Amino acid sequence: MLWLLFFLLITGMIQGRQAFAFPTAGRVRALQEERSALEAEQAALQKNIRIATSRRVLGDRAEQELGLHFPADSEFVNLRLVPGER
C-alpha cells in the first residue's frame, strides 16, 4: 500500500511538472519567433545604414544640399613636409 501511495505521489509530481512546462514552452516558442523577427528587422536596418552611408548617396546629398562637388584631378594639391619642420 505504501508503494502505491509513493507511486501516485511521484506520478502526480511528474504530471504537475509537465502541466507547468506546456505554457512555458509556448512562451519560449513565442520569444524565439519574436527574436527572429527582430533579427530580420535589424538586418534590414543595417542594410539601410550601409546604403545611406555609401559614397554615392553621401556624395549626391553633399552636391545637392551643400553645393559641394568631387574634385577634378587638376584641383588636387600635394603638400610636402620638410623633415624637421613642425
PDB file of N, CA and C in Angstrom:
ATOM      1  N   MET A   1       0.816  -1.201   0.000  1.00  0.00           N
ATOM      2  CA  MET A   1       0.000   0.000   0.000  1.00  0.00           C
ATOM      3  C   MET A   1       0.858   1.262   0.000  1.00  0.00           C
ATOM      4  N   LEU A   2       1.939   1.256   0.750  1.00  0.00           N
ATOM      5  CA  LEU A   2       2.840   2.397   0.807  1.00  0.00           C
ATOM      6  C   LEU A   2       3.488   2.653  -0.556  1.00  0.00           C
ATOM      7  N   TRP A   3       3.827   1.590  -1.289  1.00  0.00           N
ATOM      8  CA  TRP A   3       4.405   1.726  -2.615  1.00  0.00           C
ATOM      9  C   TRP A   3       3.425   2.386  -3.585  1.00  0.00           C
ATOM     10  N   LEU A   4       2.140   2.047  -3.438  1.00  0.00           N
ATOM     11  CA  LEU A   4       1.121   2.635  -4.315  1.00  0.00           C
ATOM     12  C   LEU A   4       1.016   4.136  -4.062  1.00  0.00           C
ATOM     13  N   LEU A   5       1.024   4.565  -2.800  1.00  0.00           N
ATOM     14  CA  LEU A   5       0.971   5.990  -2.477  1.00  0.00           C
ATOM     15  C   LEU A   5       2.219   6.716  -2.988  1.00  0.00           C
ATOM     16  N   PHE A   6       3.361   6.079  -2.816  1.00  0.00           N
ATOM     17  CA  PHE A   6       4.610   6.652  -3.318  1.00  0.00           C
ATOM     18  C   PHE A   6       4.559   6.808  -4.839  1.00  0.00           C
ATOM     19  N   PHE A   7       4.085   5.777  -5.539  1.00  0.00           N
ATOM     20  CA  PHE A   7       3.965   5.811  -6.992  1.00  0.00           C
ATOM     21  C   PHE A   7       3.003   6.906  -7.435  1.00  0.00           C
ATOM     22  N   LEU A   8       1.846   7.028  -6.775  1.00  0.00           N
ATOM     23  CA  LEU A   8       0.876   8.060  -7.123  1.00  0.00           C
ATOM     24  C   LEU A   8       1.425   9.463  -6.856  1.00  0.00           C
ATOM     25  N   LEU A   9       2.183   9.611  -5.782  1.00  0.00           N
ATOM     26  CA  LEU A   9       2.785  10.897  -5.463  1.00  0.00           C
ATOM     27  C   LEU A   9       3.803  11.290  -6.548  1.00  0.00           C
ATOM     28  N   ILE A  10       4.647  10.365  -6.934  1.00  0.00           N
ATOM     29  CA  ILE A  10       5.654  10.641  -7.962  1.00  0.00           C
ATOM     30  C   ILE A  10       4.985  10.950  -9.302  1.00  0.00           C
ATOM     31  N   THR A  11       3.998  10.153  -9.701  1.00  0.00           N
ATOM     32  CA  THR A  11       3.332  10.412 -10.982  1.00  0.00           C
ATOM     33  C   THR A  11       2.568  11.735 -10.940  1.00  0.00           C
ATOM     34  N   GLY A  12       2.014  12.088  -9.816  1.00  0.00           N
ATOM     35  CA  GLY A  12       1.349  13.387  -9.677  1.00  0.00           C
ATOM     36  C   GLY A  12       2.328  14.542  -9.818  1.00  0.00           C
ATOM     37  N   MET A  13       3.515  14.383  -9.250  1.00  0.00           N
ATOM     38  CA  MET A  13       4.540  15.411  -9.380  1.00  0.00           C
ATOM     39  C   MET A  13       4.995  15.541 -10.836  1.00  0.00           C
ATOM     40  N   ILE A  14       5.156  14.430 -11.513  1.00  0.00           N
ATOM     41  CA  ILE A  14       5.555  14.460 -12.925  1.00  0.00           C
ATOM     42  C   ILE A  14       4.482  15.126 -13.768  1.00  0.00           C
ATOM     43  N   GLN A  15       3.223  14.786 -13.499  1.00  0.00           N
ATOM     44  CA  GLN A  15       2.107  15.380 -14.242  1.00  0.00           C
ATOM     45  C   GLN A  15       2.043  16.891 -14.004  1.00  0.00           C
ATOM     46  N   GLY A  16       2.250  17.307 -12.775  1.00  0.00           N
ATOM     47  CA  GLY A  16       2.240  18.736 -12.467  1.00  0.00           C
ATOM     48  C   GLY A  16       3.374  19.477 -13.161  1.00  0.00           C
ATOM     49  N   ARG A  17       4.550  18.855 -13.174  1.00  0.00           N
ATOM     50  CA  ARG A  17       5.691  19.476 -13.848  1.00  0.00           C
ATOM     51  C   ARG A  17       5.439  19.618 -15.348  1.00  0.00           C
ATOM     52  N   GLN A  18       4.865  18.604 -15.964  1.00  0.00           N
ATOM     53  CA  GLN A  18       4.567  18.667 -17.394  1.00  0.00           C
ATOM     54  C   GLN A  18       3.480  19.696 -17.684  1.00  0.00           C
ATOM     55  N   ALA A  19       2.487  19.787 -16.812  1.00  0.00           N
ATOM     56  CA  ALA A  19       1.426  20.784 -16.999  1.00  0.00           C
ATOM     57  C   ALA A  19       2.000  22.200 -16.897  1.00  0.00           C
ATOM     58  N   PHE A  20       2.992  22.381 -16.047  1.00  0.00           N
ATOM     59  CA  PHE A  20       3.637  23.685 -15.918  1.00  0.00           C
ATOM     60  C   PHE A  20       4.528  23.966 -17.120  1.00  0.00           C
ATOM     61  N   ALA A  21       5.086  22.936 -17.733  1.00  0.00           N
ATOM     62  CA  ALA A  21       6.028  23.107 -18.834  1.00  0.00           C
ATOM     63  C   ALA A  21       5.340  23.513 -20.138  1.00  0.00           C
ATOM     64  N   PHE A  22       4.094  23.136 -20.358  1.00  0.00           N
ATOM     65  CA  PHE A  22       3.415  23.465 -21.617  1.00  0.00           C
ATOM     66  C   PHE A  22       3.290  24.969 -21.844  1.00  0.00           C
ATOM     67  N   PRO A  23       2.799  25.749 -20.882  1.00  0.00           N
ATOM     68  CA  PRO A  23       2.749  27.202 -21.115  1.00  0.00           C
ATOM     69  C   PRO A  23       4.147  27.818 -21.266  1.00  0.00           C
ATOM     70  N   THR A  24       5.100  27.282 -20.519  1.00  0.00           N
ATOM     71  CA  THR A  24       6.470  27.791 -20.616  1.00  0.00           C
ATOM     72  C   THR A  24       7.041  27.518 -22.004  1.00  0.00           C
ATOM     73  N   ALA A  25       6.789  26.333 -22.536  1.00  0.00           N
ATOM     74  CA  ALA A  25       7.265  26.001 -23.879  1.00  0.00           C
ATOM     75  C   ALA A  25       6.617  26.920 -24.922  1.00  0.00           C
ATOM     76  N   GLY A  26       5.340  27.228 -24.750  1.00  0.00           N
ATOM     77  CA  GLY A  26       4.662  28.159 -25.662  1.00  0.00           C
ATOM     78  C   GLY A  26       5.273  29.543 -25.597  1.00  0.00           C
ATOM     79  N   ARG A  27       5.607  29.975 -24.391  1.00  0.00           N
ATOM     80  CA  ARG A  27       6.228  31.299 -24.228  1.00  0.00           C
ATOM     81  C   ARG A  27       7.620  31.323 -24.871  1.00  0.00           C
ATOM     82  N   VAL A  28       8.371  30.238 -24.691  1.00  0.00           N
ATOM     83  CA  VAL A  28       9.700  30.149 -25.311  1.00  0.00           C
ATOM     84  C   VAL A  28       9.571  30.200 -26.824  1.00  0.00           C
ATOM     85  N   ARG A  29       8.610  29.497 -27.383  1.00  0.00           N
ATOM     86  CA  ARG A  29       8.396  29.500 -28.833  1.00  0.00           C
ATOM     87  C   ARG A  29       8.034  30.903 -29.323  1.00  0.00           C
ATOM     88  N   ALA A  30       7.165  31.594 -28.578  1.00  0.00           N
ATOM     89  CA  ALA A  30       6.785  32.958 -28.955  1.00  0.00           C
ATOM     90  C   ALA A  30       7.991  33.896 -28.893  1.00  0.00           C
ATOM     91  N   LEU A  31       8.834  33.733 -27.874  1.00  0.00           N
ATOM     92  CA  LEU A  31      10.023  34.573 -27.768  1.00  0.00           C
ATOM     93  C   LEU A  31      11.023  34.286 -28.885  1.00  0.00           C
ATOM     94  N   GLN A  32      11.138  33.028 -29.297  1.00  0.00           N
ATOM     95  CA  GLN A  32      12.022  32.689 -30.411  1.00  0.00           C
ATOM     96  C   GLN A  32      11.522  33.316 -31.710  1.00  0.00           C
ATOM     97  N   GLU A  33      10.222  33.302 -31.926  1.00  0.00           N
ATOM     98  CA  GLU A  33       9.657  33.924 -33.119  1.00  0.00           C
ATOM     99  C   GLU A  33       9.873  35.436 -33.089  1.00  0.00           C
ATOM    100  N   GLU A  34       9.691  36.036 -31.908  1.00  0.00           N
ATOM    101  CA  GLU A  34       9.912  37.477 -31.776  1.00  0.00           C
ATOM    102  C   GLU A  34      11.381  37.813 -32.029  1.00  0.00           C
ATOM    103  N   ARG A  35      12.272  36.970 -31.527  1.00  0.00           N
ATOM    104  CA  ARG A  35      13.701  37.192 -31.748  1.00  0.00           C
ATOM    105  C   ARG A  35      14.037  37.109 -33.237  1.00  0.00           C
ATOM    106  N   SER A  36      13.460  36.135 -33.924  1.00  0.00           N
ATOM    107  CA  SER A  36      13.705  36.001 -35.361  1.00  0.00           C
ATOM    108  C   SER A  36      13.220  37.247 -36.108  1.00  0.00           C
ATOM    109  N   ALA A  37      12.056  37.744 -35.721  1.00  0.00           N
ATOM    110  CA  ALA A  37      11.522  38.945 -36.359  1.00  0.00           C
ATOM    111  C   ALA A  37      12.410  40.150 -36.084  1.00  0.00           C
ATOM    112  N   LEU A  38      12.909  40.267 -34.854  1.00  0.00           N
ATOM    113  CA  LEU A  38      13.785  41.390 -34.514  1.00  0.00           C
ATOM    114  C   LEU A  38      15.127  41.289 -35.231  1.00  0.00           C
ATOM    115  N   GLU A  39      15.643  40.072 -35.397  1.00  0.00           N
ATOM    116  CA  GLU A  39      16.899  39.905 -36.133  1.00  0.00           C
ATOM    117  C   GLU A  39      16.715  40.270 -37.607  1.00  0.00           C
ATOM    118  N   ALA A  40      15.567  39.927 -38.178  1.00  0.00           N
ATOM    119  CA  ALA A  40      15.288  40.313 -39.569  1.00  0.00           C
ATOM    120  C   ALA A  40      15.184  41.828 -39.691  1.00  0.00           C
ATOM    121  N   GLU A  41      14.537  42.456 -38.718  1.00  0.00           N
ATOM    122  CA  GLU A  41      14.422  43.920 -38.732  1.00  0.00           C
ATOM    123  C   GLU A  41      15.802  44.566 -38.573  1.00  0.00           C
ATOM    124  N   GLN A  42      16.634  43.987 -37.712  1.00  0.00           N
ATOM    125  CA  GLN A  42      17.984  44.509 -37.524  1.00  0.00           C
ATOM    126  C   GLN A  42      18.787  44.413 -38.823  1.00  0.00           C
ATOM    127  N   ALA A  43      18.670  43.298 -39.519  1.00  0.00           N
ATOM    128  CA  ALA A  43      19.380  43.133 -40.785  1.00  0.00           C
ATOM    129  C   ALA A  43      18.910  44.168 -41.805  1.00  0.00           C
ATOM    130  N   ALA A  44      17.607  44.419 -41.845  1.00  0.00           N
ATOM    131  CA  ALA A  44      17.077  45.424 -42.774  1.00  0.00           C
ATOM    132  C   ALA A  44      17.579  46.821 -42.417  1.00  0.00           C
ATOM    133  N   LEU A  45      17.617  47.129 -41.134  1.00  0.00           N
ATOM    134  CA  LEU A  45      18.108  48.448 -40.712  1.00  0.00           C
ATOM    135  C   LEU A  45      19.597  48.605 -41.005  1.00  0.00           C
ATOM    136  N   GLN A  46      20.374  47.557 -40.805  1.00  0.00           N
ATOM    137  CA  GLN A  46      21.798  47.632 -41.124  1.00  0.00           C
ATOM    138  C   GLN A  46      22.012  47.824 -42.623  1.00  0.00           C
ATOM    139  N   LYS A  47      21.177  47.195 -43.427  1.00  0.00           N
ATOM    140  CA  LYS A  47      21.263  47.379 -44.875  1.00  0.00           C
ATOM    141  C   LYS A  47      20.959  48.834 -45.230  1.00  0.00           C
ATOM    142  N   ASN A  48      19.919  49.396 -44.602  1.00  0.00           N
ATOM    143  CA  ASN A  48      19.567  50.800 -44.858  1.00  0.00           C
ATOM    144  C   ASN A  48      20.700  51.735 -44.446  1.00  0.00           C
ATOM    145  N   ILE A  49      21.374  51.419 -43.339  1.00  0.00           N
ATOM    146  CA  ILE A  49      22.500  52.247 -42.889  1.00  0.00           C
ATOM    147  C   ILE A  49      23.639  52.166 -43.891  1.00  0.00           C
ATOM    148  N   ARG A  50      23.943  50.952 -44.359  1.00  0.00           N
ATOM    149  CA  ARG A  50      25.018  50.809 -45.351  1.00  0.00           C
ATOM    150  C   ARG A  50      24.704  51.588 -46.624  1.00  0.00           C
ATOM    151  N   ILE A  51      23.460  51.532 -47.049  1.00  0.00           N
ATOM    152  CA  ILE A  51      23.079  52.263 -48.262  1.00  0.00           C
ATOM    153  C   ILE A  51      23.161  53.766 -48.024  1.00  0.00           C
ATOM    154  N   ALA A  52      22.643  54.229 -46.875  1.00  0.00           N
ATOM    155  CA  ALA A  52      22.610  55.660 -46.589  1.00  0.00           C
ATOM    156  C   ALA A  52      24.000  56.246 -46.388  1.00  0.00           C
ATOM    157  N   THR A  53      24.953  55.443 -45.964  1.00  0.00           N
ATOM    158  CA  THR A  53      26.307  55.957 -45.729  1.00  0.00           C
ATOM    159  C   THR A  53      27.255  55.632 -46.876  1.00  0.00           C
ATOM    160  N   SER A  54      26.720  55.166 -47.981  1.00  0.00           N
ATOM    161  CA  SER A  54      27.581  54.869 -49.125  1.00  0.00           C
ATOM    162  C   SER A  54      28.098  56.167 -49.737  1.00  0.00           C
ATOM    163  N   ARG A  55      29.202  56.067 -50.415  1.00  0.00           N
ATOM    164  CA  ARG A  55      29.824  57.244 -51.019  1.00  0.00           C
ATOM    165  C   ARG A  55      28.904  57.882 -52.054  1.00  0.00           C
ATOM    166  N   ARG A  56      28.196  57.079 -52.809  1.00  0.00           N
ATOM    167  CA  ARG A  56      27.311  57.612 -53.847  1.00  0.00           C
ATOM    168  C   ARG A  56      26.195  58.442 -53.230  1.00  0.00           C
ATOM    169  N   VAL A  57      25.539  57.906 -52.211  1.00  0.00           N
ATOM    170  CA  VAL A  57      24.414  58.624 -51.591  1.00  0.00           C
ATOM    171  C   VAL A  57      24.907  59.873 -50.878  1.00  0.00           C
ATOM    172  N   LEU A  58      25.984  59.743 -50.108  1.00  0.00           N
ATOM    173  CA  LEU A  58      26.500  60.923 -49.404  1.00  0.00           C
ATOM    174  C   LEU A  58      27.024  61.973 -50.376  1.00  0.00           C
ATOM    175  N   GLY A  59      27.651  61.520 -51.477  1.00  0.00           N
ATOM    176  CA  GLY A  59      28.137  62.467 -52.485  1.00  0.00           C
ATOM    177  C   GLY A  59      27.004  63.229 -53.132  1.00  0.00           C
ATOM    178  N   ASP A  60      25.933  62.516 -53.463  1.00  0.00           N
ATOM    179  CA  ASP A  60      24.768  63.183 -54.065  1.00  0.00           C
ATOM    180  C   ASP A  60      24.153  64.189 -53.108  1.00  0.00           C
ATOM    181  N   ARG A  61      24.043  63.820 -51.834  1.00  0.00           N
ATOM    182  CA  ARG A  61      23.468  64.741 -50.852  1.00  0.00           C
ATOM    183  C   ARG A  61      24.366  65.960 -50.657  1.00  0.00           C
ATOM    184  N   ALA A  62      25.688  65.742 -50.649  1.00  0.00           N
ATOM    185  CA  ALA A  62      26.621  66.860 -50.477  1.00  0.00           C
ATOM    186  C   ALA A  62      26.528  67.817 -51.656  1.00  0.00           C
ATOM    187  N   GLU A  63      26.369  67.270 -52.852  1.00  0.00           N
ATOM    188  CA  GLU A  63      26.232  68.138 -54.026  1.00  0.00           C
ATOM    189  C   GLU A  63      24.931  68.914 -53.987  1.00  0.00           C
ATOM    190  N   GLN A  64      23.839  68.258 -53.668  1.00  0.00           N
ATOM    191  CA  GLN A  64      22.529  68.897 -53.704  1.00  0.00           C
ATOM    192  C   GLN A  64      22.331  69.874 -52.547  1.00  0.00           C
ATOM    193  N   GLU A  65      22.642  69.447 -51.329  1.00  0.00           N
ATOM    194  CA  GLU A  65      22.310  70.255 -50.158  1.00  0.00           C
ATOM    195  C   GLU A  65      23.392  71.264 -49.787  1.00  0.00           C
ATOM    196  N   LEU A  66      24.645  70.923 -50.044  1.00  0.00           N
ATOM    197  CA  LEU A  66      25.732  71.796 -49.620  1.00  0.00           C
ATOM    198  C   LEU A  66      26.461  72.465 -50.774  1.00  0.00           C
ATOM    199  N   GLY A  67      26.153  72.069 -51.996  1.00  0.00           N
ATOM    200  CA  GLY A  67      26.810  72.668 -53.150  1.00  0.00           C
ATOM    201  C   GLY A  67      28.242  72.196 -53.333  1.00  0.00           C
ATOM    202  N   LEU A  68      28.603  71.069 -52.739  1.00  0.00           N
ATOM    203  CA  LEU A  68      29.955  70.542 -52.887  1.00  0.00           C
ATOM    204  C   LEU A  68      30.052  69.698 -54.144  1.00  0.00           C
ATOM    205  N   HIS A  69      31.276  69.404 -54.557  1.00  0.00           N
ATOM    206  CA  HIS A  69      31.472  68.537 -55.717  1.00  0.00           C
ATOM    207  C   HIS A  69      32.739  67.716 -55.509  1.00  0.00           C
ATOM    208  N   PHE A  70      32.840  66.638 -56.247  1.00  0.00           N
ATOM    209  CA  PHE A  70      34.052  65.838 -56.207  1.00  0.00           C
ATOM    210  C   PHE A  70      35.136  66.585 -56.972  1.00  0.00           C
ATOM    211  N   PRO A  71      36.324  66.663 -56.423  1.00  0.00           N
ATOM    212  CA  PRO A  71      37.377  67.451 -57.083  1.00  0.00           C
ATOM    213  C   PRO A  71      37.873  66.782 -58.360  1.00  0.00           C
ATOM    214  N   ALA A  72      38.216  67.605 -59.315  1.00  0.00           N
ATOM    215  CA  ALA A  72      38.837  67.111 -60.543  1.00  0.00           C
ATOM    216  C   ALA A  72      40.317  66.870 -60.251  1.00  0.00           C
ATOM    217  N   ASP A  73      40.978  66.181 -61.149  1.00  0.00           N
ATOM    218  CA  ASP A  73      42.399  65.894 -60.946  1.00  0.00           C
ATOM    219  C   ASP A  73      43.231  67.171 -60.848  1.00  0.00           C
ATOM    220  N   SER A  74      42.828  68.194 -61.545  1.00  0.00           N
ATOM    221  CA  SER A  74      43.595  69.454 -61.525  1.00  0.00           C
ATOM    222  C   SER A  74      43.410  70.209 -60.210  1.00  0.00           C
ATOM    223  N   GLU A  75      42.429  69.828 -59.401  1.00  0.00           N
ATOM    224  CA  GLU A  75      42.169  70.538 -58.143  1.00  0.00           C
ATOM    225  C   GLU A  75      42.937  69.958 -56.958  1.00  0.00           C
ATOM    226  N   PHE A  76      43.644  68.867 -57.173  1.00  0.00           N
ATOM    227  CA  PHE A  76      44.423  68.275 -56.086  1.00  0.00           C
ATOM    228  C   PHE A  76      45.740  69.023 -55.925  1.00  0.00           C
ATOM    229  N   VAL A  77      46.129  69.269 -54.699  1.00  0.00           N
ATOM    230  CA  VAL A  77      47.412  69.897 -54.400  1.00  0.00           C
ATOM    231  C   VAL A  77      48.139  68.998 -53.422  1.00  0.00           C
ATOM    232  N   ASN A  78      49.324  68.550 -53.792  1.00  0.00           N
ATOM    233  CA  ASN A  78      50.138  67.733 -52.898  1.00  0.00           C
ATOM    234  C   ASN A  78      51.080  68.623 -52.104  1.00  0.00           C
ATOM    235  N   LEU A  79      51.035  68.530 -50.829  1.00  0.00           N
ATOM    236  CA  LEU A  79      51.914  69.314 -49.961  1.00  0.00           C
ATOM    237  C   LEU A  79      52.969  68.370 -49.397  1.00  0.00           C
ATOM    238  N   ARG A  80      54.195  68.833 -49.404  1.00  0.00           N
ATOM    239  CA  ARG A  80      55.292  68.013 -48.886  1.00  0.00           C
ATOM    240  C   ARG A  80      55.730  68.571 -47.548  1.00  0.00           C
ATOM    241  N   LEU A  81      56.003  67.660 -46.639  1.00  0.00           N
ATOM    242  CA  LEU A  81      56.540  68.046 -45.344  1.00  0.00           C
ATOM    243  C   LEU A  81      58.060  67.969 -45.418  1.00  0.00           C
ATOM    244  N   VAL A  82      58.680  69.012 -44.987  1.00  0.00           N
ATOM    245  CA  VAL A  82      60.149  69.021 -44.917  1.00  0.00           C
ATOM    246  C   VAL A  82      60.543  68.442 -43.574  1.00  0.00           C
ATOM    247  N   PRO A  83      61.443  67.475 -43.560  1.00  0.00           N
ATOM    248  CA  PRO A  83      61.853  66.897 -42.275  1.00  0.00           C
ATOM    249  C   PRO A  83      62.414  67.973 -41.336  1.00  0.00           C
ATOM    250  N   GLY A  84      62.003  67.914 -40.105  1.00  0.00           N
ATOM    251  CA  GLY A  84      62.497  68.863 -39.109  1.00  0.00           C
ATOM    252  C   GLY A  84      61.586  70.044 -38.904  1.00  0.00           C
ATOM    253  N   GLU A  85      60.643  70.299 -39.787  1.00  0.00           N
ATOM    254  CA  GLU A  85      59.712  71.413 -39.598  1.00  0.00           C
ATOM    255  C   GLU A  85      58.430  70.888 -38.982  1.00  0.00           C
ATOM    256  N   ARG A  86      58.134  71.446 -37.837  1.00  0.00           N
ATOM    257  CA  ARG A  86      56.877  71.064 -37.180  1.00  0.00           C
ATOM    258  C   ARG A  86      56.296  72.225 -36.465  1.00  0.00           C
TER     259      ARG A  86
END
